[in-house]
């Protein structure tokens, strides 16, 4: 979840979280 705070990697983080969920 903290990965979302990176900003630039926000999209990548959401993609990863979406995959996990």
PDB file of N, CA and C in Angstrom:
ATOM      1  N   UNK A   1       0.844  -1.208   0.000  1.00  0.00           N
ATOM      2  CA  UNK A   1       0.000   0.000   0.000  1.00  0.00           C
ATOM      3  C   UNK A   1       0.873   1.250   0.000  1.00  0.00           C
ATOM      4  N   UNK A   2       2.000   1.209   0.662  1.00  0.00           N
ATOM      5  CA  UNK A   2       2.895   2.366   0.731  1.00  0.00           C
ATOM      6  C   UNK A   2       3.447   2.706  -0.646  1.00  0.00           C
ATOM      7  N   UNK A   3       3.485   1.707  -1.517  1.00  0.00           N
ATOM      8  CA  UNK A   3       4.019   1.934  -2.867  1.00  0.00           C
ATOM      9  C   UNK A   3       3.238   3.018  -3.590  1.00  0.00           C
ATOM     10  N   UNK A   4       1.947   3.138  -3.260  1.00  0.00           N
ATOM     11  CA  UNK A   4       1.095   4.141  -3.910  1.00  0.00           C
ATOM     12  C   UNK A   4       1.635   5.548  -3.642  1.00  0.00           C
ATOM     13  N   UNK A   5       2.287   5.732  -2.511  1.00  0.00           N
ATOM     14  CA  UNK A   5       2.805   7.045  -2.128  1.00  0.00           C
ATOM     15  C   UNK A   5       3.970   7.494  -2.993  1.00  0.00           C
ATOM     16  N   UNK A   6       4.556   6.587  -3.765  1.00  0.00           N
ATOM     17  CA  UNK A   6       5.695   6.966  -4.603  1.00  0.00           C
ATOM     18  C   UNK A   6       5.308   7.994  -5.646  1.00  0.00           C
ATOM     19  N   UNK A   7       4.050   7.931  -6.129  1.00  0.00           N
ATOM     20  CA  UNK A   7       3.607   8.928  -7.109  1.00  0.00           C
ATOM     21  C   UNK A   7       3.887   8.468  -8.526  1.00  0.00           C
ATOM     22  N   UNK A   8       5.171   8.479  -8.907  1.00  0.00           N
ATOM     23  CA  UNK A   8       5.539   8.069 -10.266  1.00  0.00           C
ATOM     24  C   UNK A   8       5.133   6.620 -10.500  1.00  0.00           C
ATOM     25  N   UNK A   9       5.306   5.796  -9.478  1.00  0.00           N
ATOM     26  CA  UNK A   9       4.959   4.380  -9.602  1.00  0.00           C
ATOM     27  C   UNK A   9       3.510   4.125  -9.186  1.00  0.00           C
ATOM     28  N   UNK A  10       2.756   5.215  -9.068  1.00  0.00           N
ATOM     29  CA  UNK A  10       1.360   5.093  -8.644  1.00  0.00           C
ATOM     30  C   UNK A  10       0.609   4.124  -9.543  1.00  0.00           C
ATOM     31  N   UNK A  11       0.734   4.304 -10.855  1.00  0.00           N
ATOM     32  CA  UNK A  11       0.043   3.432 -11.806  1.00  0.00           C
ATOM     33  C   UNK A  11       0.483   1.998 -11.622  1.00  0.00           C
ATOM     34  N   UNK A  12       1.775   1.783 -11.530  1.00  0.00           N
ATOM     35  CA  UNK A  12       2.303   0.427 -11.383  1.00  0.00           C
ATOM     36  C   UNK A  12       1.798  -0.191 -10.088  1.00  0.00           C
ATOM     37  N   UNK A  13       1.767   0.628  -9.044  1.00  0.00           N
ATOM     38  CA  UNK A  13       1.301   0.146  -7.739  1.00  0.00           C
ATOM     39  C   UNK A  13      -0.160  -0.273  -7.834  1.00  0.00           C
ATOM     40  N   UNK A  14      -0.960   0.555  -8.475  1.00  0.00           N
ATOM     41  CA  UNK A  14      -2.383   0.233  -8.613  1.00  0.00           C
ATOM     42  C   UNK A  14      -2.552  -1.034  -9.430  1.00  0.00           C
ATOM     43  N   UNK A  15      -1.725  -1.194 -10.445  1.00  0.00           N
ATOM     44  CA  UNK A  15      -1.801  -2.392 -11.288  1.00  0.00           C
ATOM     45  C   UNK A  15      -1.464  -3.627 -10.460  1.00  0.00           C
ATOM     46  N   UNK A  16      -0.428  -3.527  -9.647  1.00  0.00           N
ATOM     47  CA  UNK A  16      -0.010  -4.651  -8.809  1.00  0.00           C
ATOM     48  C   UNK A  16      -1.082  -4.966  -7.765  1.00  0.00           C
ATOM     49  N   UNK A  17      -1.594  -3.924  -7.122  1.00  0.00           N
ATOM     50  CA  UNK A  17      -2.627  -4.128  -6.103  1.00  0.00           C
ATOM     51  C   UNK A  17      -3.869  -4.734  -6.743  1.00  0.00           C
ATOM     52  N   UNK A  18      -4.198  -4.273  -7.937  1.00  0.00           N
ATOM     53  CA  UNK A  18      -5.375  -4.776  -8.644  1.00  0.00           C
ATOM     54  C   UNK A  18      -5.194  -6.256  -8.928  1.00  0.00           C
ATOM     55  N   UNK A  19      -3.968  -6.644  -9.258  1.00  0.00           N
ATOM     56  CA  UNK A  19      -3.685  -8.053  -9.556  1.00  0.00           C
ATOM     57  C   UNK A  19      -3.799  -8.893  -8.286  1.00  0.00           C
ATOM     58  N   UNK A  20      -3.287  -8.353  -7.177  1.00  0.00           N
ATOM     59  CA  UNK A  20      -3.325  -9.075  -5.907  1.00  0.00           C
ATOM     60  C   UNK A  20      -4.772  -9.248  -5.451  1.00  0.00           C
ATOM     61  N   UNK A  21      -5.541  -8.170  -5.594  1.00  0.00           N
ATOM     62  CA  UNK A  21      -6.935  -8.206  -5.165  1.00  0.00           C
ATOM     63  C   UNK A  21      -7.737  -9.061  -6.135  1.00  0.00           C
TER      64      UNK A  21
END
